[in-house]
Amino acid sequence: MSYLAIARKYRPATFGEMVGQEHVTRTLGNAIRRGRVHHAYLFAGARGVGKTTAARALARALNCAQGPTVDPCGVCPSCVDIANGTSPDLVEIDGASNNSVDDVRELRESVRYAATQGRYRIYLVDEVHMLSKGAFNALLKTLEEPPPHVVFLMATTEAHKIPETILSRVQRFDFRRIGVPAVTERLRTIAEREGVRISEVALRRIARAGEGSMRDAQSLLDQVINTAGAEVDDQAVADALGLVDRAWIHAMVAGLCQGKPDQCLRAIEAVHGYGYELPEFAAEVLDAVRDAAFLRIGAGTAAYLDLPEDEIVRLNEITEGVPPEVLTRLFDALVDLYDQIAKASRPRIVLEMAVARLATLRPVEPAHALVARLDALERNLRHGGGA
């Protein structure tokens, strides 16, 4: 049997297996239980967050032999065929390549035919925003009043491109980016099933690299396993994904906060020598400064950071005694610097020259301290004091 990628092998088949989109699965589950299934749904959100997965799970729930049910049996012909992508009652359409008026006219002709296996004939239109204006117009009447045996499911990453006339005829669900803890937990489960030993730190780095996309994170895990095998350490993850070593990021932040430009230059030289992209390095430093600023503001802010405990401890050590005002000024400067590095033909020189300025940032005295000093000066003058 040919190899099956992790993202496909572990694709959720039911609402209960999905993570990070509880607001969607709960609403759809209630609609099924109460017999209030709409005739058209729009699933909108970033890539890899479960839009198509939710649509297929809904199709199984509606056409299961024991349903409609929130918990399809998984063994009846409809469930098996939908899982294998061979169901005659689930018609999947790629909006990018079937976006003409003629394509929609063919769809309008086919909706007249009843389902052959289940209760509903379900049309899943992926990347629906790619349809032409004429195609959208041709779809309007059918979308508003389809036959009772038809359900339309549409998925898009760019909902703002869909005409209001279409949006007014569907129930819309906005899918959120999936949080790092949820992605990490899912990756841990997959690694255990695959017989792979991998540290918690490595799992979190992969989850963060996925940037809220479960599919992207799973693909990255697949890549790491192919590179490192069944024993995956933190360095293997960094090498496989081209991620910057956290030690150099911390060294850079420490050098900037403590006024040690030589330490910053060593970090830049090491990162450049490994072949990492300097704009990516600058972005990681920017994130670390933001996290450090939150930690310095107050202990309660740590709960809002997607950081492991050891990194929280390390950032606290680096920024001990550094006023929050210095970190916020440093962050503002790094934002501008990142834009310069991303556009520069020689980013290393731009980054190195910026170190001289950033590493010598002096703390700005708080406003209340300045007011207190002025009050003291005024009192001295009133009492005939000196300068």
Protein backbone atom coordinates (compact mmCIF):
# COMPACT_ATOMS: atom_id res chain seq x y z
CA MET A 1 0.00 0.00 0.00
CA SER A 2 1.26 3.48 -0.85
CA TYR A 3 2.23 5.82 1.97
CA LEU A 4 -0.53 8.05 3.35
CA ALA A 5 0.50 11.46 4.67
CA ILE A 6 -0.17 12.17 8.33
CA ALA A 7 -2.55 15.05 7.50
CA ARG A 8 -4.73 12.62 5.52
CA LYS A 9 -4.25 9.58 7.74
CA TYR A 10 -5.43 11.41 10.85
CA ARG A 11 -8.08 13.65 9.30
CA PRO A 12 -11.07 13.80 11.70
CA ALA A 13 -14.11 11.91 10.46
CA THR A 14 -16.68 13.24 12.96
CA PHE A 15 -17.41 16.44 14.86
CA GLY A 16 -16.17 14.82 18.06
CA GLU A 17 -12.69 14.29 16.60
CA MET A 18 -12.25 17.91 15.52
CA VAL A 19 -10.33 20.31 17.76
CA GLY A 20 -10.30 24.07 18.00
CA GLN A 21 -13.66 24.67 16.30
CA GLU A 22 -16.11 23.82 19.08
CA HIS A 23 -18.32 26.81 18.26
CA VAL A 24 -18.93 25.31 14.80
CA THR A 25 -19.31 21.65 15.73
CA ARG A 26 -21.62 22.47 18.65
CA THR A 27 -23.97 24.54 16.47
CA LEU A 28 -24.06 22.00 13.65
CA GLY A 29 -24.63 19.19 16.15
CA ASN A 30 -27.58 21.03 17.68
CA ALA A 31 -29.06 21.65 14.22
CA ILE A 32 -28.91 17.93 13.45
CA ARG A 33 -30.45 16.90 16.78
CA ARG A 34 -33.31 19.37 16.39
CA GLY A 35 -33.94 18.68 12.71
CA ARG A 36 -33.05 22.25 11.72
CA VAL A 37 -30.41 21.57 9.05
CA HIS A 38 -30.11 24.52 6.68
CA HIS A 39 -29.95 23.99 2.92
CA ALA A 40 -26.71 25.99 2.46
CA TYR A 41 -23.66 26.59 4.64
CA LEU A 42 -20.53 28.68 4.16
CA PHE A 43 -17.37 27.70 6.05
CA ALA A 44 -14.83 30.55 6.07
CA GLY A 45 -11.37 30.72 7.58
CA ALA A 46 -7.63 30.37 7.09
CA ARG A 47 -6.11 27.34 5.40
CA GLY A 48 -5.86 24.08 7.29
CA VAL A 49 -8.27 24.89 10.12
CA GLY A 50 -10.89 22.24 9.31
CA LYS A 51 -13.36 23.74 6.82
CA THR A 52 -13.43 20.84 4.36
CA THR A 53 -13.11 18.35 7.22
CA ALA A 54 -16.20 19.82 8.89
CA ALA A 55 -18.10 19.69 5.59
CA ARG A 56 -17.32 15.99 5.11
CA ALA A 57 -18.18 15.26 8.73
CA LEU A 58 -21.54 16.99 8.21
CA ALA A 59 -22.11 14.95 5.05
CA ARG A 60 -21.52 11.71 6.99
CA ALA A 61 -23.82 12.87 9.78
CA LEU A 62 -26.63 13.62 7.34
CA ASN A 63 -26.35 10.50 5.19
CA CYS A 64 -25.45 7.86 7.78
CA ALA A 65 -27.85 4.91 7.71
CA GLN A 66 -28.56 5.52 11.40
CA GLY A 67 -29.04 9.25 11.02
CA PRO A 68 -29.17 12.04 10.61
CA THR A 69 -26.97 11.75 13.68
CA VAL A 70 -24.13 13.63 15.33
CA ASP A 71 -22.33 10.31 15.81
CA PRO A 72 -22.36 8.46 12.45
CA CYS A 73 -21.72 4.73 12.62
CA GLY A 74 -18.71 4.75 10.29
CA VAL A 75 -19.53 1.31 8.86
CA CYS A 76 -22.61 1.80 6.67
CA PRO A 77 -22.09 2.23 2.89
CA SER A 78 -22.63 6.00 3.05
CA CYS A 79 -20.12 6.53 5.87
CA VAL A 80 -17.51 4.32 4.23
CA ASP A 81 -17.89 5.87 0.77
CA ILE A 82 -17.74 9.45 2.09
CA ALA A 83 -14.59 8.60 4.04
CA ASN A 84 -13.02 7.08 0.91
CA GLY A 85 -14.12 9.95 -1.33
CA THR A 86 -16.26 7.66 -3.52
CA SER A 87 -19.77 8.56 -2.40
CA PRO A 88 -22.15 9.26 -5.31
CA ASP A 89 -24.13 11.58 -3.02
CA LEU A 90 -21.23 13.86 -2.06
CA VAL A 91 -20.20 15.90 -5.09
CA GLU A 92 -16.97 17.81 -4.43
CA ILE A 93 -16.33 20.74 -6.76
CA ASP A 94 -13.15 22.79 -7.05
CA GLY A 95 -14.23 26.40 -7.40
CA ALA A 96 -10.91 27.38 -8.97
CA SER A 97 -11.24 25.08 -11.97
CA ASN A 98 -15.05 24.94 -12.26
CA ASN A 99 -15.83 28.63 -12.06
CA SER A 100 -17.68 29.39 -15.28
CA VAL A 101 -21.38 29.94 -15.94
CA ASP A 102 -21.50 26.67 -17.89
CA ASP A 103 -20.14 24.75 -14.90
CA VAL A 104 -22.86 26.17 -12.67
CA ARG A 105 -25.51 25.38 -15.27
CA GLU A 106 -24.42 21.74 -15.20
CA LEU A 107 -24.66 21.80 -11.43
CA ARG A 108 -28.19 23.25 -11.63
CA GLU A 109 -29.21 20.43 -13.95
CA SER A 110 -27.79 17.74 -11.66
CA VAL A 111 -29.53 18.94 -8.47
CA ARG A 112 -32.82 17.63 -9.84
CA TYR A 113 -31.67 14.04 -9.34
CA ALA A 114 -32.35 12.41 -6.00
CA ALA A 115 -29.67 10.90 -3.81
CA THR A 116 -28.82 7.30 -4.74
CA GLN A 117 -27.52 6.04 -1.39
CA GLY A 118 -28.33 8.45 1.44
CA ARG A 119 -31.01 11.01 2.22
CA TYR A 120 -29.28 14.03 0.73
CA ARG A 121 -27.36 14.92 -2.37
CA ILE A 122 -24.62 17.16 -1.00
CA TYR A 123 -22.54 19.60 -3.04
CA LEU A 124 -19.24 20.67 -1.51
CA VAL A 125 -17.77 23.67 -3.35
CA ASP A 126 -14.21 24.34 -2.22
CA GLU A 127 -12.63 27.79 -2.69
CA VAL A 128 -16.04 29.08 -3.71
CA HIS A 129 -14.73 32.66 -3.90
CA MET A 130 -13.02 31.68 -7.16
CA LEU A 131 -16.35 31.50 -9.01
CA SER A 132 -16.86 34.20 -11.61
CA LYS A 133 -19.48 36.91 -11.20
CA GLY A 134 -21.63 35.25 -13.83
CA ALA A 135 -21.33 31.89 -12.09
CA PHE A 136 -22.46 33.40 -8.78
CA ASN A 137 -25.45 34.98 -10.48
CA ALA A 138 -26.37 31.68 -12.13
CA LEU A 139 -26.21 29.97 -8.73
CA LEU A 140 -28.47 32.42 -6.87
CA LYS A 141 -31.90 30.92 -7.50
CA THR A 142 -30.80 27.33 -6.96
CA LEU A 143 -28.95 28.28 -3.79
CA GLU A 144 -31.99 30.08 -2.38
CA GLU A 145 -34.57 27.39 -3.19
CA PRO A 146 -32.87 24.06 -3.82
CA PRO A 147 -34.82 20.79 -3.93
CA PRO A 148 -35.48 19.35 -0.45
CA HIS A 149 -32.94 16.57 -0.96
CA VAL A 150 -30.03 18.97 -1.70
CA VAL A 151 -27.58 20.61 0.73
CA PHE A 152 -24.88 23.05 -0.37
CA LEU A 153 -21.62 23.25 1.58
CA MET A 154 -19.16 25.95 0.54
CA ALA A 155 -15.65 26.59 1.85
CA THR A 156 -13.45 29.63 1.33
CA THR A 157 -10.32 31.33 2.62
CA GLU A 158 -11.46 34.72 1.31
CA ALA A 159 -15.04 35.32 2.35
CA HIS A 160 -14.80 39.03 1.53
CA LYS A 161 -14.76 38.13 -2.18
CA ILE A 162 -18.17 36.45 -2.05
CA PRO A 163 -21.11 38.63 -3.17
CA GLU A 164 -23.60 39.77 -0.54
CA THR A 165 -26.37 38.14 -2.55
CA ILE A 166 -24.75 34.77 -1.87
CA LEU A 167 -23.96 35.50 1.78
CA SER A 168 -27.59 36.38 2.45
CA ARG A 169 -28.67 32.90 1.31
CA VAL A 170 -26.36 30.80 3.49
CA GLN A 171 -25.53 30.20 7.12
CA ARG A 172 -21.97 31.35 7.66
CA PHE A 173 -19.46 29.85 10.09
CA ASP A 174 -16.09 31.51 10.66
CA PHE A 175 -13.37 29.03 11.58
CA ARG A 176 -10.70 30.23 13.99
CA ARG A 177 -6.99 29.62 13.90
CA ILE A 178 -6.25 26.71 16.21
CA GLY A 179 -4.30 27.53 19.37
CA VAL A 180 -0.83 26.15 20.04
CA PRO A 181 -1.93 24.02 23.05
CA ALA A 182 -4.64 22.26 21.01
CA VAL A 183 -2.30 21.65 18.08
CA THR A 184 0.44 20.39 20.41
CA GLU A 185 -1.93 17.92 22.05
CA ARG A 186 -3.05 16.60 18.67
CA LEU A 187 0.56 16.24 17.46
CA ARG A 188 1.46 14.38 20.66
CA THR A 189 -1.35 11.88 20.03
CA ILE A 190 -0.24 11.35 16.44
CA ALA A 191 3.40 10.88 17.46
CA GLU A 192 2.40 8.24 20.00
CA ARG A 193 0.37 6.35 17.41
CA GLU A 194 3.25 6.54 14.95
CA GLY A 195 5.70 5.22 17.57
CA VAL A 196 7.78 8.42 17.54
CA ARG A 197 9.51 9.80 20.63
CA ILE A 198 9.57 13.58 20.59
CA SER A 199 9.97 16.17 23.34
CA GLU A 200 7.31 18.61 24.47
CA VAL A 201 9.48 21.54 23.38
CA ALA A 202 9.83 20.09 19.88
CA LEU A 203 6.08 19.53 19.61
CA ARG A 204 5.38 23.12 20.62
CA ARG A 205 7.89 24.44 18.08
CA ILE A 206 6.17 22.48 15.33
CA ALA A 207 2.77 23.69 16.51
CA ARG A 208 3.93 27.32 16.52
CA ALA A 209 5.45 26.93 13.06
CA GLY A 210 2.03 25.79 11.82
CA GLU A 211 0.70 29.30 12.60
CA GLY A 212 -2.77 28.14 13.60
CA SER A 213 -3.17 25.60 10.80
CA MET A 214 -3.60 22.01 11.97
CA ARG A 215 -2.88 20.67 8.50
CA ASP A 216 0.34 22.68 8.18
CA ALA A 217 1.50 21.51 11.61
CA GLN A 218 0.80 17.88 10.73
CA SER A 219 2.69 18.23 7.46
CA LEU A 220 5.64 19.69 9.36
CA LEU A 221 5.54 16.77 11.81
CA ASP A 222 5.60 14.42 8.82
CA GLN A 223 8.66 16.23 7.49
CA VAL A 224 10.45 16.06 10.84
CA ILE A 225 9.81 12.33 11.19
CA ASN A 226 11.12 11.73 7.67
CA THR A 227 14.28 13.64 8.60
CA ALA A 228 14.96 12.35 12.12
CA GLY A 229 13.21 8.99 12.29
CA ALA A 230 11.57 7.60 15.43
CA GLU A 231 13.79 9.61 17.83
CA VAL A 232 13.23 13.34 17.40
CA ASP A 233 15.15 15.88 19.47
CA ASP A 234 14.89 19.67 19.55
CA GLN A 235 17.84 20.20 17.22
CA ALA A 236 16.38 17.80 14.64
CA VAL A 237 13.20 19.90 14.54
CA ALA A 238 15.22 23.10 14.10
CA ASP A 239 17.29 21.55 11.29
CA ALA A 240 14.35 19.95 9.49
CA LEU A 241 12.17 23.05 9.54
CA GLY A 242 14.90 25.66 9.20
CA LEU A 243 13.99 27.20 12.55
CA VAL A 244 16.35 29.48 14.42
CA ASP A 245 17.88 28.03 17.59
CA ARG A 246 16.09 29.59 20.57
CA ALA A 247 19.44 30.08 22.32
CA TRP A 248 20.50 32.64 19.70
CA ILE A 249 17.17 34.45 19.97
CA HIS A 250 17.59 34.69 23.73
CA ALA A 251 21.19 35.84 23.30
CA MET A 252 20.04 38.60 20.96
CA VAL A 253 17.33 39.78 23.34
CA ALA A 254 19.74 39.69 26.28
CA GLY A 255 22.33 41.70 24.37
CA LEU A 256 19.78 44.34 23.39
CA CYS A 257 18.34 44.62 26.90
CA GLN A 258 21.67 44.62 28.70
CA GLY A 259 23.53 46.92 26.30
CA LYS A 260 25.96 44.26 25.02
CA PRO A 261 26.34 44.76 21.26
CA ASP A 262 29.14 42.16 21.06
CA GLN A 263 26.71 39.48 22.23
CA CYS A 264 24.21 40.56 19.59
CA LEU A 265 26.85 40.44 16.85
CA ARG A 266 27.87 36.91 17.87
CA ALA A 267 24.24 35.81 17.63
CA ILE A 268 23.87 37.38 14.18
CA GLU A 269 27.09 35.75 12.97
CA ALA A 270 25.98 32.33 14.23
CA VAL A 271 22.53 32.59 12.67
CA HIS A 272 23.95 33.80 9.36
CA GLY A 273 26.56 31.03 9.40
CA TYR A 274 23.87 28.37 9.78
CA GLY A 275 22.12 29.77 6.73
CA TYR A 276 18.95 30.92 8.51
CA GLU A 277 17.02 33.76 6.94
CA LEU A 278 17.78 36.97 8.82
CA PRO A 279 14.26 38.41 8.35
CA GLU A 280 12.92 35.26 10.01
CA PHE A 281 15.46 35.68 12.81
CA ALA A 282 14.39 39.30 13.29
CA ALA A 283 10.74 38.21 13.44
CA GLU A 284 11.56 35.63 16.13
CA VAL A 285 13.44 38.26 18.16
CA LEU A 286 10.45 40.57 17.78
CA ASP A 287 8.14 37.87 19.17
CA ALA A 288 10.53 37.22 22.07
CA VAL A 289 10.66 40.92 23.00
CA ARG A 290 6.87 41.06 22.93
CA ASP A 291 6.67 38.02 25.21
CA ALA A 292 9.27 39.51 27.56
CA ALA A 293 7.36 42.79 27.73
CA PHE A 294 4.19 40.95 28.72
CA LEU A 295 6.08 39.08 31.44
CA ARG A 296 7.52 42.31 32.85
CA ILE A 297 4.11 44.00 32.98
CA GLY A 298 2.79 41.51 35.52
CA ALA A 299 2.81 37.85 36.53
CA GLY A 300 -0.78 37.31 35.37
CA THR A 301 0.08 38.06 31.74
CA ALA A 302 2.03 34.80 31.39
CA ALA A 303 -1.29 32.98 31.00
CA TYR A 304 -1.83 34.74 27.66
CA LEU A 305 1.47 33.58 26.15
CA ASP A 306 1.92 30.33 24.22
CA LEU A 307 5.25 29.58 25.89
CA PRO A 308 6.61 26.54 27.73
CA GLU A 309 7.60 27.05 31.35
CA ASP A 310 11.34 26.87 30.67
CA GLU A 311 11.14 29.70 28.14
CA ILE A 312 9.16 31.87 30.55
CA VAL A 313 11.88 31.32 33.15
CA ARG A 314 14.61 32.15 30.63
CA LEU A 315 12.94 35.39 29.46
CA ASN A 316 12.43 36.45 33.07
CA GLU A 317 16.12 35.88 33.73
CA ILE A 318 17.16 37.87 30.67
CA THR A 319 14.95 40.88 31.42
CA GLU A 320 15.37 40.98 35.20
CA GLY A 321 15.62 44.60 36.23
CA VAL A 322 14.74 45.90 32.74
CA PRO A 323 11.87 48.43 32.90
CA PRO A 324 8.85 47.61 30.70
CA GLU A 325 9.32 50.99 28.98
CA VAL A 326 12.64 49.83 27.55
CA LEU A 327 11.06 46.68 26.13
CA THR A 328 8.20 48.58 24.51
CA ARG A 329 10.63 51.06 22.93
CA LEU A 330 12.76 48.14 21.77
CA PHE A 331 9.71 46.48 20.24
CA ASP A 332 8.76 49.64 18.32
CA ALA A 333 12.30 49.91 16.95
CA LEU A 334 12.34 46.23 15.95
CA VAL A 335 9.08 46.58 14.04
CA ASP A 336 10.64 49.23 11.81
CA LEU A 337 13.87 47.25 11.58
CA TYR A 338 12.06 44.12 10.41
CA ASP A 339 10.55 46.01 7.48
CA GLN A 340 14.00 47.32 6.53
CA ILE A 341 15.64 43.89 6.73
CA ALA A 342 12.88 42.24 4.70
CA LYS A 343 13.47 44.69 1.84
CA ALA A 344 17.27 45.01 2.08
CA SER A 345 19.60 43.39 -0.44
CA ARG A 346 22.20 42.97 2.35
CA PRO A 347 20.12 42.30 5.47
CA ARG A 348 23.08 41.33 7.67
CA ILE A 349 24.64 44.78 7.43
CA VAL A 350 21.32 46.45 8.19
CA LEU A 351 20.82 44.23 11.24
CA GLU A 352 24.38 44.70 12.51
CA MET A 353 24.26 48.48 12.19
CA ALA A 354 20.93 48.57 13.99
CA VAL A 355 22.48 46.76 16.96
CA ALA A 356 24.63 49.80 17.77
CA ARG A 357 21.48 51.88 18.17
CA LEU A 358 19.20 49.29 19.80
CA ALA A 359 21.74 47.94 22.29
CA THR A 360 22.27 51.43 23.73
CA LEU A 361 18.63 52.32 24.34
CA ARG A 362 18.43 54.09 27.71
CA PRO A 363 15.33 53.78 29.86
CA VAL A 364 12.83 56.58 29.62
CA GLU A 365 12.02 57.98 33.05
CA PRO A 366 8.34 57.41 33.90
CA ALA A 367 6.06 60.44 33.78
CA HIS A 368 5.17 60.20 37.48
CA ALA A 369 8.89 60.36 38.39
CA LEU A 370 9.37 63.48 36.27
CA VAL A 371 6.35 65.12 37.93
CA ALA A 372 7.74 64.27 41.38
CA ARG A 373 11.08 65.84 40.47
CA LEU A 374 9.38 69.02 39.23
CA ASP A 375 7.31 69.23 42.42
CA ALA A 376 10.46 68.89 44.52
CA LEU A 377 12.18 71.58 42.46
CA GLU A 378 9.22 73.89 42.88
CA ARG A 379 9.22 73.40 46.66
CA ASN A 380 12.94 74.14 46.81
CA LEU A 381 12.48 77.35 44.83
CA ARG A 382 9.62 78.49 47.08
CA HIS A 383 11.77 77.98 50.16
CA GLY A 384 14.75 79.75 48.63
CA GLY A 385 16.61 76.54 47.88
CA GLY A 386 19.38 76.27 45.34
CA ALA A 387 19.42 74.57 42.02
